Amino acid sequence: MSKKNKAGERDEIIQDTQTQEETERVEESVVEEQTVEEKLQGELDKEKDKFLRLFAEFENYKKRTSKERMELFKTAGQEVIVSLLPVLDDFDRATKELSKSEDKEMFKGVELIHNKLKETLKVKGLQEIKIKQGDAFDAEVHDAITQIPAPSKKLKGKIIDVVEKGFTLGEKIIRHPKVVVGN
């Protein structure tokens, strides 16, 4: 081979080597850029996930506090209403006794006050639990204060008498009715 051919080949090999090195450097920088890009994308995904979780937690907090606030408004006067229930019971007993008396004007006056109190409490959400003799006894609703022998087989395991009325405030039972059950 001539010197010219050897020099040409050597130049060609050098050029090929330089081209390969440049290609490798470009590929390495692309790989590094992708790695940096992938890292940034991963961090962004983590932050998005963190944000979404925090947002969901905050929404749950708002719903929970709103629900608690509504519940508080519904039963805000519960203590006052519960303390007025004995007064309502006394009015029931008074009207029952006054109905037996001859003084009808006094009966009408007491009955007017009694009805006004009942209506005022009803507006605030108080409702009487309606029960009568012969209704089925439900331990979740009624308080059995005693059991007596049933006057008939029909009344066995049923309510025989109501000793004290029960009341609900909204959906919540604030006083269970006290009943006598037949056995």
N, C-alpha and C. Protein backbone atom coordinates (compact mmCIF):
# COMPACT_ATOMS: atom_id res chain seq x y z
N MET A 1 0.81 -1.16 0.00
CA MET A 1 0.00 0.00 0.00
C MET A 1 0.86 1.23 0.00
N SER A 2 0.32 2.17 -0.60
CA SER A 2 1.10 3.39 -0.68
C SER A 2 0.88 4.22 0.55
N LYS A 3 1.75 5.18 0.69
CA LYS A 3 1.68 6.05 1.86
C LYS A 3 0.39 6.87 1.83
N LYS A 4 -0.03 7.20 0.65
CA LYS A 4 -1.22 8.00 0.49
C LYS A 4 -2.45 7.21 0.96
N ASN A 5 -2.54 5.96 0.62
CA ASN A 5 -3.65 5.11 1.02
C ASN A 5 -3.65 4.91 2.53
N LYS A 6 -2.46 4.69 3.08
CA LYS A 6 -2.38 4.48 4.53
C LYS A 6 -2.81 5.74 5.26
N ALA A 7 -2.41 6.88 4.78
CA ALA A 7 -2.77 8.15 5.41
C ALA A 7 -4.28 8.36 5.27
N GLY A 8 -4.84 8.01 4.12
CA GLY A 8 -6.28 8.17 3.90
C GLY A 8 -7.08 7.26 4.82
N GLU A 9 -6.58 6.04 4.95
CA GLU A 9 -7.26 5.11 5.84
C GLU A 9 -7.19 5.59 7.28
N ARG A 10 -6.01 6.07 7.64
CA ARG A 10 -5.82 6.56 9.01
C ARG A 10 -6.74 7.75 9.26
N ASP A 11 -6.84 8.65 8.30
CA ASP A 11 -7.74 9.81 8.43
C ASP A 11 -9.19 9.34 8.55
N GLU A 12 -9.51 8.36 7.76
CA GLU A 12 -10.86 7.81 7.77
C GLU A 12 -11.16 7.17 9.13
N ILE A 13 -10.22 6.43 9.67
CA ILE A 13 -10.39 5.78 10.98
C ILE A 13 -10.51 6.84 12.06
N ILE A 14 -9.69 7.86 11.96
CA ILE A 14 -9.75 8.95 12.95
C ILE A 14 -11.12 9.64 12.87
N GLN A 15 -11.60 9.87 11.65
CA GLN A 15 -12.90 10.52 11.48
C GLN A 15 -14.01 9.63 12.04
N ASP A 16 -13.95 8.33 11.75
CA ASP A 16 -14.94 7.39 12.27
C ASP A 16 -14.92 7.39 13.79
N THR A 17 -13.75 7.40 14.37
CA THR A 17 -13.60 7.39 15.82
C THR A 17 -14.18 8.67 16.40
N GLN A 18 -13.86 9.81 15.76
CA GLN A 18 -14.39 11.09 16.24
C GLN A 18 -15.93 11.12 16.11
N THR A 19 -16.44 10.60 15.03
CA THR A 19 -17.88 10.57 14.80
C THR A 19 -18.56 9.69 15.85
N GLN A 20 -17.95 8.54 16.15
CA GLN A 20 -18.50 7.64 17.16
C GLN A 20 -18.48 8.31 18.53
N GLU A 21 -17.40 9.00 18.84
CA GLU A 21 -17.29 9.68 20.14
C GLU A 21 -18.34 10.78 20.25
N GLU A 22 -18.53 11.54 19.15
CA GLU A 22 -19.53 12.60 19.16
C GLU A 22 -20.93 12.01 19.32
N THR A 23 -21.19 10.92 18.64
CA THR A 23 -22.49 10.27 18.73
C THR A 23 -22.74 9.78 20.16
N GLU A 24 -21.71 9.17 20.76
CA GLU A 24 -21.84 8.70 22.13
C GLU A 24 -22.10 9.85 23.09
N ARG A 25 -21.39 10.98 22.88
CA ARG A 25 -21.60 12.15 23.75
C ARG A 25 -23.02 12.70 23.60
N VAL A 26 -23.50 12.76 22.37
CA VAL A 26 -24.85 13.25 22.12
C VAL A 26 -25.87 12.31 22.78
N GLU A 27 -25.66 10.99 22.62
CA GLU A 27 -26.56 10.01 23.23
C GLU A 27 -26.55 10.12 24.75
N GLU A 28 -25.35 10.30 25.33
CA GLU A 28 -25.24 10.44 26.78
C GLU A 28 -25.99 11.68 27.26
N SER A 29 -25.84 12.79 26.53
CA SER A 29 -26.52 14.02 26.94
C SER A 29 -28.03 13.87 26.80
N VAL A 30 -28.48 13.13 25.75
CA VAL A 30 -29.91 12.88 25.57
C VAL A 30 -30.42 12.02 26.72
N VAL A 31 -29.63 10.97 27.08
CA VAL A 31 -30.01 10.10 28.19
C VAL A 31 -30.06 10.91 29.48
N GLU A 32 -29.08 11.79 29.69
CA GLU A 32 -29.07 12.63 30.89
C GLU A 32 -30.27 13.56 30.89
N GLU A 33 -30.60 14.15 29.73
CA GLU A 33 -31.74 15.04 29.64
C GLU A 33 -33.03 14.29 29.92
N GLN A 34 -33.14 13.07 29.37
CA GLN A 34 -34.34 12.28 29.63
C GLN A 34 -34.43 11.92 31.11
N THR A 35 -33.31 11.60 31.69
CA THR A 35 -33.29 11.26 33.09
C THR A 35 -33.72 12.46 33.93
N VAL A 36 -33.22 13.63 33.62
CA VAL A 36 -33.60 14.84 34.33
C VAL A 36 -35.09 15.12 34.09
N GLU A 37 -35.51 14.96 32.86
CA GLU A 37 -36.92 15.18 32.51
C GLU A 37 -37.82 14.18 33.24
N GLU A 38 -37.38 12.92 33.27
CA GLU A 38 -38.14 11.89 33.96
C GLU A 38 -38.20 12.18 35.46
N LYS A 39 -37.08 12.63 36.02
CA LYS A 39 -37.06 12.97 37.44
C LYS A 39 -38.04 14.10 37.73
N LEU A 40 -38.00 15.12 36.90
CA LEU A 40 -38.91 16.25 37.09
C LEU A 40 -40.37 15.82 36.93
N GLN A 41 -40.62 14.96 35.96
CA GLN A 41 -41.99 14.46 35.76
C GLN A 41 -42.44 13.67 36.98
N GLY A 42 -41.55 12.83 37.53
CA GLY A 42 -41.87 12.06 38.73
C GLY A 42 -42.17 12.96 39.92
N GLU A 43 -41.35 14.00 40.09
CA GLU A 43 -41.58 14.95 41.18
C GLU A 43 -42.90 15.68 40.99
N LEU A 44 -43.19 16.06 39.74
CA LEU A 44 -44.45 16.73 39.44
C LEU A 44 -45.64 15.81 39.77
N ASP A 45 -45.53 14.56 39.39
CA ASP A 45 -46.59 13.59 39.70
C ASP A 45 -46.79 13.45 41.20
N LYS A 46 -45.69 13.40 41.95
CA LYS A 46 -45.78 13.30 43.40
C LYS A 46 -46.49 14.51 43.99
N GLU A 47 -46.13 15.69 43.51
CA GLU A 47 -46.74 16.92 44.01
C GLU A 47 -48.22 16.99 43.65
N LYS A 48 -48.57 16.54 42.43
CA LYS A 48 -49.98 16.51 42.03
C LYS A 48 -50.77 15.58 42.95
N ASP A 49 -50.20 14.40 43.22
CA ASP A 49 -50.85 13.43 44.09
C ASP A 49 -51.02 14.01 45.50
N LYS A 50 -49.98 14.65 45.99
CA LYS A 50 -50.02 15.27 47.31
C LYS A 50 -51.11 16.35 47.37
N PHE A 51 -51.18 17.16 46.32
CA PHE A 51 -52.18 18.22 46.24
C PHE A 51 -53.60 17.63 46.22
N LEU A 52 -53.80 16.61 45.40
CA LEU A 52 -55.13 16.00 45.29
C LEU A 52 -55.57 15.39 46.62
N ARG A 53 -54.65 14.75 47.30
CA ARG A 53 -54.98 14.15 48.60
C ARG A 53 -55.32 15.24 49.62
N LEU A 54 -54.54 16.30 49.63
CA LEU A 54 -54.79 17.41 50.55
C LEU A 54 -56.13 18.07 50.24
N PHE A 55 -56.43 18.24 48.97
CA PHE A 55 -57.70 18.84 48.55
C PHE A 55 -58.87 17.96 48.98
N ALA A 56 -58.75 16.65 48.77
CA ALA A 56 -59.81 15.71 49.15
C ALA A 56 -60.01 15.72 50.67
N GLU A 57 -58.92 15.77 51.40
CA GLU A 57 -59.00 15.80 52.86
C GLU A 57 -59.70 17.07 53.32
N PHE A 58 -59.39 18.19 52.68
CA PHE A 58 -60.03 19.45 53.04
C PHE A 58 -61.52 19.42 52.72
N GLU A 59 -61.90 18.85 51.58
CA GLU A 59 -63.31 18.73 51.22
C GLU A 59 -64.06 17.87 52.23
N ASN A 60 -63.44 16.78 52.66
CA ASN A 60 -64.06 15.91 53.68
C ASN A 60 -64.23 16.67 55.00
N TYR A 61 -63.22 17.47 55.35
CA TYR A 61 -63.29 18.28 56.57
C TYR A 61 -64.46 19.26 56.49
N LYS A 62 -64.61 19.92 55.34
CA LYS A 62 -65.70 20.89 55.17
C LYS A 62 -67.06 20.20 55.29
N LYS A 63 -67.20 19.03 54.66
CA LYS A 63 -68.46 18.30 54.74
C LYS A 63 -68.76 17.87 56.17
N ARG A 64 -67.74 17.37 56.86
CA ARG A 64 -67.93 16.89 58.22
C ARG A 64 -68.32 18.04 59.15
N THR A 65 -67.63 19.16 59.07
CA THR A 65 -67.96 20.29 59.95
C THR A 65 -69.32 20.87 59.61
N SER A 66 -69.67 20.89 58.34
CA SER A 66 -70.99 21.38 57.93
C SER A 66 -72.08 20.48 58.51
N LYS A 67 -71.87 19.17 58.43
CA LYS A 67 -72.84 18.21 58.97
C LYS A 67 -72.95 18.38 60.49
N GLU A 68 -71.82 18.54 61.17
CA GLU A 68 -71.84 18.73 62.61
C GLU A 68 -72.57 20.02 62.99
N ARG A 69 -72.35 21.08 62.22
CA ARG A 69 -73.00 22.35 62.48
C ARG A 69 -74.51 22.22 62.31
N MET A 70 -74.94 21.54 61.24
CA MET A 70 -76.37 21.34 61.01
C MET A 70 -76.99 20.53 62.16
N GLU A 71 -76.28 19.51 62.61
CA GLU A 71 -76.76 18.69 63.71
C GLU A 71 -76.86 19.53 64.99
N LEU A 72 -75.91 20.41 65.20
CA LEU A 72 -75.92 21.28 66.38
C LEU A 72 -77.12 22.22 66.33
N PHE A 73 -77.40 22.77 65.17
CA PHE A 73 -78.56 23.66 65.04
C PHE A 73 -79.86 22.92 65.30
N LYS A 74 -79.93 21.68 64.83
CA LYS A 74 -81.15 20.90 65.02
C LYS A 74 -81.42 20.62 66.49
N THR A 75 -80.37 20.36 67.25
CA THR A 75 -80.54 19.98 68.65
C THR A 75 -80.00 21.03 69.61
N ALA A 76 -79.91 22.29 69.15
CA ALA A 76 -79.35 23.35 69.98
C ALA A 76 -80.15 23.55 71.26
N GLY A 77 -81.46 23.48 71.18
CA GLY A 77 -82.29 23.71 72.35
C GLY A 77 -82.66 22.45 73.09
N GLN A 78 -81.95 21.37 72.83
CA GLN A 78 -82.32 20.08 73.42
C GLN A 78 -82.33 20.12 74.94
N GLU A 79 -81.33 20.73 75.55
CA GLU A 79 -81.26 20.76 77.01
C GLU A 79 -82.44 21.52 77.59
N VAL A 80 -82.79 22.64 76.98
CA VAL A 80 -83.91 23.44 77.47
C VAL A 80 -85.21 22.66 77.32
N ILE A 81 -85.39 22.04 76.16
CA ILE A 81 -86.62 21.28 75.91
C ILE A 81 -86.73 20.11 76.87
N VAL A 82 -85.63 19.40 77.10
CA VAL A 82 -85.65 18.27 78.04
C VAL A 82 -86.01 18.76 79.44
N SER A 83 -85.51 19.92 79.83
CA SER A 83 -85.84 20.44 81.16
C SER A 83 -87.30 20.88 81.26
N LEU A 84 -87.96 21.17 80.13
CA LEU A 84 -89.37 21.57 80.14
C LEU A 84 -90.33 20.37 80.10
N LEU A 85 -89.82 19.18 79.83
CA LEU A 85 -90.70 18.01 79.75
C LEU A 85 -91.43 17.72 81.06
N PRO A 86 -90.78 17.84 82.24
CA PRO A 86 -91.54 17.64 83.48
C PRO A 86 -92.67 18.67 83.65
N VAL A 87 -92.46 19.90 83.18
CA VAL A 87 -93.51 20.92 83.24
C VAL A 87 -94.68 20.49 82.36
N LEU A 88 -94.37 19.96 81.19
CA LEU A 88 -95.40 19.47 80.29
C LEU A 88 -96.18 18.32 80.94
N ASP A 89 -95.47 17.43 81.63
CA ASP A 89 -96.12 16.33 82.35
C ASP A 89 -97.05 16.87 83.44
N ASP A 90 -96.57 17.89 84.17
CA ASP A 90 -97.39 18.49 85.23
C ASP A 90 -98.66 19.12 84.65
N PHE A 91 -98.52 19.77 83.50
CA PHE A 91 -99.69 20.34 82.84
C PHE A 91 -100.68 19.25 82.45
N ASP A 92 -100.18 18.12 81.95
CA ASP A 92 -101.07 17.00 81.59
C ASP A 92 -101.84 16.52 82.82
N ARG A 93 -101.14 16.36 83.94
CA ARG A 93 -101.80 15.92 85.17
C ARG A 93 -102.80 16.96 85.67
N ALA A 94 -102.42 18.25 85.57
CA ALA A 94 -103.30 19.33 86.04
C ALA A 94 -104.58 19.39 85.20
N THR A 95 -104.44 19.29 83.87
CA THR A 95 -105.65 19.34 83.04
C THR A 95 -106.53 18.13 83.28
N LYS A 96 -105.92 16.99 83.55
CA LYS A 96 -106.70 15.79 83.83
C LYS A 96 -107.52 15.97 85.11
N GLU A 97 -106.91 16.54 86.15
CA GLU A 97 -107.60 16.75 87.42
C GLU A 97 -108.61 17.89 87.32
N LEU A 98 -108.25 18.96 86.62
CA LEU A 98 -109.17 20.09 86.50
C LEU A 98 -110.39 19.74 85.66
N SER A 99 -110.25 18.77 84.75
CA SER A 99 -111.42 18.37 83.95
C SER A 99 -112.49 17.73 84.84
N LYS A 100 -112.08 17.22 85.99
CA LYS A 100 -113.02 16.60 86.93
C LYS A 100 -113.71 17.66 87.80
N SER A 101 -113.10 18.83 87.91
CA SER A 101 -113.66 19.86 88.80
C SER A 101 -114.83 20.57 88.14
N GLU A 102 -115.54 21.35 88.94
CA GLU A 102 -116.72 22.07 88.44
C GLU A 102 -116.33 23.42 87.85
N ASP A 103 -115.13 23.92 88.16
CA ASP A 103 -114.70 25.24 87.68
C ASP A 103 -114.18 25.12 86.25
N LYS A 104 -115.06 25.29 85.29
CA LYS A 104 -114.71 25.11 83.88
C LYS A 104 -113.84 26.25 83.35
N GLU A 105 -113.97 27.45 83.92
CA GLU A 105 -113.16 28.59 83.47
C GLU A 105 -111.69 28.36 83.81
N MET A 106 -111.41 27.83 85.00
CA MET A 106 -110.02 27.53 85.38
C MET A 106 -109.47 26.44 84.46
N PHE A 107 -110.28 25.46 84.18
CA PHE A 107 -109.87 24.37 83.29
C PHE A 107 -109.50 24.93 81.91
N LYS A 108 -110.33 25.82 81.37
CA LYS A 108 -110.06 26.42 80.05
C LYS A 108 -108.77 27.23 80.07
N GLY A 109 -108.53 27.98 81.15
CA GLY A 109 -107.31 28.80 81.26
C GLY A 109 -106.06 27.94 81.29
N VAL A 110 -106.07 26.90 82.11
CA VAL A 110 -104.92 25.99 82.21
C VAL A 110 -104.74 25.24 80.89
N GLU A 111 -105.83 24.85 80.28
CA GLU A 111 -105.75 24.14 79.01
C GLU A 111 -105.16 25.03 77.90
N LEU A 112 -105.52 26.31 77.91
CA LEU A 112 -104.95 27.27 76.93
C LEU A 112 -103.44 27.38 77.09
N ILE A 113 -102.99 27.52 78.33
CA ILE A 113 -101.54 27.62 78.59
C ILE A 113 -100.85 26.31 78.20
N HIS A 114 -101.48 25.20 78.54
CA HIS A 114 -100.93 23.88 78.21
C HIS A 114 -100.78 23.72 76.70
N ASN A 115 -101.81 24.07 75.96
CA ASN A 115 -101.76 23.96 74.49
C ASN A 115 -100.72 24.89 73.89
N LYS A 116 -100.60 26.09 74.46
CA LYS A 116 -99.61 27.05 73.95
C LYS A 116 -98.18 26.51 74.16
N LEU A 117 -97.94 25.93 75.32
CA LEU A 117 -96.62 25.34 75.59
C LEU A 117 -96.35 24.18 74.64
N LYS A 118 -97.33 23.31 74.45
CA LYS A 118 -97.17 22.17 73.54
C LYS A 118 -96.89 22.63 72.11
N GLU A 119 -97.61 23.61 71.64
CA GLU A 119 -97.42 24.12 70.28
C GLU A 119 -96.05 24.79 70.11
N THR A 120 -95.62 25.53 71.12
CA THR A 120 -94.31 26.18 71.06
C THR A 120 -93.20 25.13 70.97
N LEU A 121 -93.31 24.09 71.78
CA LEU A 121 -92.31 23.01 71.74
C LEU A 121 -92.39 22.23 70.44
N LYS A 122 -93.59 22.09 69.91
CA LYS A 122 -93.77 21.38 68.64
C LYS A 122 -93.08 22.13 67.50
N VAL A 123 -93.17 23.46 67.52
CA VAL A 123 -92.51 24.29 66.51
C VAL A 123 -90.99 24.11 66.59
N LYS A 124 -90.48 23.88 67.78
CA LYS A 124 -89.03 23.67 67.97
C LYS A 124 -88.59 22.26 67.61
N GLY A 125 -89.55 21.40 67.21
CA GLY A 125 -89.20 20.06 66.75
C GLY A 125 -89.56 18.93 67.69
N LEU A 126 -90.19 19.25 68.80
CA LEU A 126 -90.57 18.22 69.78
C LEU A 126 -91.82 17.50 69.30
N GLN A 127 -91.78 16.18 69.33
CA GLN A 127 -92.95 15.39 68.97
C GLN A 127 -93.13 14.27 69.99
N GLU A 128 -94.38 14.03 70.32
CA GLU A 128 -94.70 12.96 71.26
C GLU A 128 -94.65 11.63 70.52
N ILE A 129 -94.10 10.62 71.18
CA ILE A 129 -94.10 9.26 70.61
C ILE A 129 -95.47 8.67 70.91
N LYS A 130 -96.22 8.42 69.87
CA LYS A 130 -97.60 7.93 70.02
C LYS A 130 -97.58 6.43 70.30
N ILE A 131 -98.10 6.06 71.47
CA ILE A 131 -98.26 4.65 71.82
C ILE A 131 -99.57 4.49 72.55
N LYS A 132 -100.13 3.31 72.46
CA LYS A 132 -101.39 3.03 73.15
C LYS A 132 -101.37 1.59 73.65
N GLN A 133 -102.36 1.29 74.45
CA GLN A 133 -102.47 -0.06 74.99
C GLN A 133 -102.62 -1.05 73.83
N GLY A 134 -101.85 -2.13 73.91
CA GLY A 134 -101.93 -3.17 72.88
C GLY A 134 -100.84 -3.06 71.83
N ASP A 135 -100.08 -1.96 71.82
CA ASP A 135 -98.96 -1.84 70.87
C ASP A 135 -97.86 -2.82 71.26
N ALA A 136 -97.10 -3.24 70.27
CA ALA A 136 -95.99 -4.16 70.52
C ALA A 136 -94.88 -3.43 71.27
N PHE A 137 -94.27 -4.12 72.23
CA PHE A 137 -93.16 -3.55 72.99
C PHE A 137 -91.88 -3.60 72.16
N ASP A 138 -91.19 -2.47 72.05
CA ASP A 138 -89.92 -2.37 71.33
C ASP A 138 -88.89 -1.84 72.30
N ALA A 139 -87.92 -2.67 72.67
CA ALA A 139 -86.92 -2.29 73.67
C ALA A 139 -86.05 -1.11 73.24
N GLU A 140 -85.95 -0.86 71.94
CA GLU A 140 -85.14 0.26 71.47
C GLU A 140 -85.88 1.59 71.62
N VAL A 141 -87.21 1.54 71.69
CA VAL A 141 -88.01 2.76 71.78
C VAL A 141 -88.58 2.94 73.18
N HIS A 142 -89.07 1.86 73.77
CA HIS A 142 -89.78 1.94 75.05
C HIS A 142 -88.89 1.53 76.22
N ASP A 143 -89.20 2.10 77.40
CA ASP A 143 -88.58 1.67 78.65
C ASP A 143 -89.64 0.90 79.43
N ALA A 144 -89.40 -0.38 79.67
CA ALA A 144 -90.35 -1.18 80.45
C ALA A 144 -89.99 -0.98 81.92
N ILE A 145 -90.91 -0.38 82.68
CA ILE A 145 -90.60 -0.17 84.10
C ILE A 145 -91.06 -1.35 84.96
N THR A 146 -92.02 -2.09 84.45
CA THR A 146 -92.46 -3.29 85.16
C THR A 146 -93.23 -4.21 84.22
N GLN A 147 -93.39 -5.46 84.67
CA GLN A 147 -94.20 -6.42 83.94
C GLN A 147 -95.28 -6.92 84.88
N ILE A 148 -96.47 -7.01 84.35
CA ILE A 148 -97.58 -7.53 85.16
C ILE A 148 -98.26 -8.63 84.35
N PRO A 149 -99.01 -9.50 85.03
CA PRO A 149 -99.74 -10.52 84.27
C PRO A 149 -100.71 -9.87 83.29
N ALA A 150 -100.69 -10.34 82.08
CA ALA A 150 -101.54 -9.76 81.03
C ALA A 150 -103.00 -10.06 81.31
N PRO A 151 -103.90 -9.06 81.21
CA PRO A 151 -105.32 -9.31 81.45
C PRO A 151 -105.93 -10.25 80.41
N SER A 152 -105.33 -10.31 79.21
CA SER A 152 -105.80 -11.25 78.19
C SER A 152 -104.60 -11.77 77.41
N LYS A 153 -104.81 -12.86 76.70
CA LYS A 153 -103.71 -13.45 75.93
C LYS A 153 -103.24 -12.50 74.83
N LYS A 154 -104.12 -11.67 74.32
CA LYS A 154 -103.76 -10.70 73.28
C LYS A 154 -102.70 -9.72 73.76
N LEU A 155 -102.72 -9.37 75.03
CA LEU A 155 -101.81 -8.36 75.57
C LEU A 155 -100.51 -8.93 76.10
N LYS A 156 -100.29 -10.22 75.94
CA LYS A 156 -99.05 -10.83 76.40
C LYS A 156 -97.89 -10.33 75.55
N GLY A 157 -96.90 -9.72 76.20
CA GLY A 157 -95.74 -9.15 75.50
C GLY A 157 -96.04 -7.80 74.86
N LYS A 158 -97.22 -7.27 75.14
CA LYS A 158 -97.64 -5.97 74.58
C LYS A 158 -97.67 -4.92 75.70
N ILE A 159 -97.84 -3.68 75.28
CA ILE A 159 -97.91 -2.57 76.23
C ILE A 159 -99.31 -2.56 76.85
N ILE A 160 -99.34 -2.52 78.19
CA ILE A 160 -100.61 -2.49 78.90
C ILE A 160 -100.96 -1.07 79.33
N ASP A 161 -99.93 -0.32 79.79
CA ASP A 161 -100.18 1.05 80.26
C ASP A 161 -98.96 1.92 79.97
N VAL A 162 -99.20 3.22 79.77
CA VAL A 162 -98.13 4.19 79.57
C VAL A 162 -98.04 5.03 80.84
N VAL A 163 -96.90 4.94 81.52
CA VAL A 163 -96.70 5.66 82.77
C VAL A 163 -96.20 7.08 82.49
N GLU A 164 -95.28 7.21 81.54
CA GLU A 164 -94.72 8.52 81.19
C GLU A 164 -94.54 8.59 79.67
N LYS A 165 -94.98 9.69 79.08
CA LYS A 165 -94.89 9.85 77.63
C LYS A 165 -93.44 9.97 77.19
N GLY A 166 -93.19 9.56 75.96
CA GLY A 166 -91.87 9.70 75.37
C GLY A 166 -91.91 10.77 74.29
N PHE A 167 -90.72 11.36 74.00
CA PHE A 167 -90.65 12.44 73.02
C PHE A 167 -89.42 12.31 72.14
N THR A 168 -89.57 12.82 70.91
CA THR A 168 -88.43 12.90 69.99
C THR A 168 -88.20 14.36 69.67
N LEU A 169 -86.96 14.69 69.41
CA LEU A 169 -86.57 16.02 68.93
C LEU A 169 -85.91 15.79 67.59
N GLY A 170 -86.63 16.11 66.52
CA GLY A 170 -86.16 15.77 65.19
C GLY A 170 -86.28 14.26 65.03
N GLU A 171 -85.17 13.61 64.74
CA GLU A 171 -85.15 12.14 64.58
C GLU A 171 -84.65 11.44 65.84
N LYS A 172 -84.21 12.21 66.82
CA LYS A 172 -83.56 11.64 68.01
C LYS A 172 -84.56 11.52 69.17
N ILE A 173 -84.57 10.37 69.81
CA ILE A 173 -85.42 10.18 70.99
C ILE A 173 -84.72 10.86 72.17
N ILE A 174 -85.41 11.84 72.77
CA ILE A 174 -84.80 12.53 73.91
C ILE A 174 -85.36 12.01 75.24
N ARG A 175 -86.52 11.36 75.19
CA ARG A 175 -87.04 10.68 76.38
C ARG A 175 -87.87 9.50 75.92
N HIS A 176 -87.46 8.31 76.38
CA HIS A 176 -88.17 7.08 76.03
C HIS A 176 -89.46 6.99 76.85
N PRO A 177 -90.54 6.53 76.24
CA PRO A 177 -91.76 6.36 77.01
C PRO A 177 -91.62 5.22 78.02
N LYS A 178 -92.10 5.46 79.23
CA LYS A 178 -92.04 4.43 80.27
C LYS A 178 -93.38 3.69 80.24
N VAL A 179 -93.30 2.36 80.07
CA VAL A 179 -94.50 1.57 79.89
C VAL A 179 -94.53 0.35 80.81
N VAL A 180 -95.74 -0.18 80.97
CA VAL A 180 -95.96 -1.43 81.69
C VAL A 180 -96.26 -2.49 80.64
N VAL A 181 -95.56 -3.62 80.74
CA VAL A 181 -95.69 -4.67 79.73
C VAL A 181 -96.34 -5.91 80.38
N GLY A 182 -97.21 -6.55 79.60
CA GLY A 182 -97.86 -7.76 80.07
C GLY A 182 -97.01 -8.99 79.84
N ASN A 183 -97.03 -9.91 80.80
CA ASN A 183 -96.26 -11.16 80.62
C ASN A 183 -97.13 -12.38 80.74
